[in-house]
Amino acid sequence: MPLGSGAARPADRIREPWTHTDVPHDGRHLTVDLPAHGAALFRRTEDGGRG
């Protein structure tokens, strides 16, 4: 998933809101594994701030 459209930076946190798991990224791409017909929701928090 390209992150550029969401204006993410490498210092930003990308978090899955239900498990509170941070997802690693490089500021340009986010790579996740989803099951067939699966879906995911992520929240971006700028500069590693609380969110």
C-alpha atoms as a PDB file:
ATOM      1  CA  MET A   1       0.000   0.000   0.000  1.00  0.00           C
ATOM      2  CA  PRO A   2       1.579   3.331  -0.944  1.00  0.00           C
ATOM      3  CA  LEU A   3       1.749   5.763   1.947  1.00  0.00           C
ATOM      4  CA  GLY A   4       2.601   8.832  -0.111  1.00  0.00           C
ATOM      5  CA  SER A   5      -1.068   9.615  -0.721  1.00  0.00           C
ATOM      6  CA  GLY A   6      -1.539   9.848   3.062  1.00  0.00           C
ATOM      7  CA  ALA A   7       1.526  12.076   3.508  1.00  0.00           C
ATOM      8  CA  ALA A   8       3.196   9.607   5.878  1.00  0.00           C
ATOM      9  CA  ARG A   9       6.794  10.195   6.918  1.00  0.00           C
ATOM     10  CA  PRO A  10       9.276   7.582   8.191  1.00  0.00           C
ATOM     11  CA  ALA A  11       8.980   8.990  11.735  1.00  0.00           C
ATOM     12  CA  ASP A  12       5.170   8.560  11.773  1.00  0.00           C
ATOM     13  CA  ARG A  13       3.593   5.584  13.537  1.00  0.00           C
ATOM     14  CA  ILE A  14       1.174   3.364  11.634  1.00  0.00           C
ATOM     15  CA  ARG A  15      -0.967   1.405  14.087  1.00  0.00           C
ATOM     16  CA  GLU A  16      -3.673  -1.238  13.803  1.00  0.00           C
ATOM     17  CA  PRO A  17      -6.351   0.136  16.175  1.00  0.00           C
ATOM     18  CA  TRP A  18      -7.862  -3.088  17.540  1.00  0.00           C
ATOM     19  CA  THR A  19      -4.638  -4.873  18.514  1.00  0.00           C
ATOM     20  CA  HIS A  20      -2.676  -1.635  19.133  1.00  0.00           C
ATOM     21  CA  THR A  21       0.123  -3.103  17.028  1.00  0.00           C
ATOM     22  CA  ASP A  22       2.544  -0.757  15.262  1.00  0.00           C
ATOM     23  CA  VAL A  23       3.171  -1.723  11.645  1.00  0.00           C
ATOM     24  CA  PRO A  24       6.694  -1.176  10.291  1.00  0.00           C
ATOM     25  CA  HIS A  25       7.012   1.049   7.228  1.00  0.00           C
ATOM     26  CA  ASP A  26       9.593   3.144   5.435  1.00  0.00           C
ATOM     27  CA  GLY A  27       7.451   6.236   4.888  1.00  0.00           C
ATOM     28  CA  ARG A  28       6.673   5.174   1.354  1.00  0.00           C
ATOM     29  CA  HIS A  29       5.174   1.663   1.575  1.00  0.00           C
ATOM     30  CA  LEU A  30       3.261  -0.425   4.080  1.00  0.00           C
ATOM     31  CA  THR A  31       3.346  -4.195   3.631  1.00  0.00           C
ATOM     32  CA  VAL A  32       0.792  -6.406   5.376  1.00  0.00           C
ATOM     33  CA  ASP A  33      -0.509  -9.939   4.869  1.00  0.00           C
ATOM     34  CA  LEU A  34      -4.274 -10.270   4.698  1.00  0.00           C
ATOM     35  CA  PRO A  35      -6.382 -13.397   4.301  1.00  0.00           C
ATOM     36  CA  ALA A  36      -8.511 -13.804   1.189  1.00  0.00           C
ATOM     37  CA  HIS A  37     -11.380 -11.288   1.320  1.00  0.00           C
ATOM     38  CA  GLY A  38      -9.718  -9.730   4.390  1.00  0.00           C
ATOM     39  CA  ALA A  39      -9.627  -6.081   5.326  1.00  0.00           C
ATOM     40  CA  ALA A  40      -7.474  -3.903   7.547  1.00  0.00           C
ATOM     41  CA  LEU A  41      -7.695  -0.499   9.161  1.00  0.00           C
ATOM     42  CA  PHE A  42      -4.673   1.570  10.151  1.00  0.00           C
ATOM     43  CA  ARG A  43      -4.199   4.864  11.936  1.00  0.00           C
ATOM     44  CA  ARG A  44      -1.294   7.222  11.278  1.00  0.00           C
ATOM     45  CA  THR A  45       0.123   9.259  14.144  1.00  0.00           C
ATOM     46  CA  GLU A  46       2.571  11.981  13.167  1.00  0.00           C
ATOM     47  CA  ASP A  47       6.157  11.925  14.415  1.00  0.00           C
ATOM     48  CA  GLY A  48       5.673   8.949  16.698  1.00  0.00           C
ATOM     49  CA  GLY A  49       3.265  10.876  18.932  1.00  0.00           C
ATOM     50  CA  ARG A  50       0.665   9.206  21.071  1.00  0.00           C
ATOM     51  CA  GLY A  51      -2.425   8.039  19.274  1.00  0.00           C
END
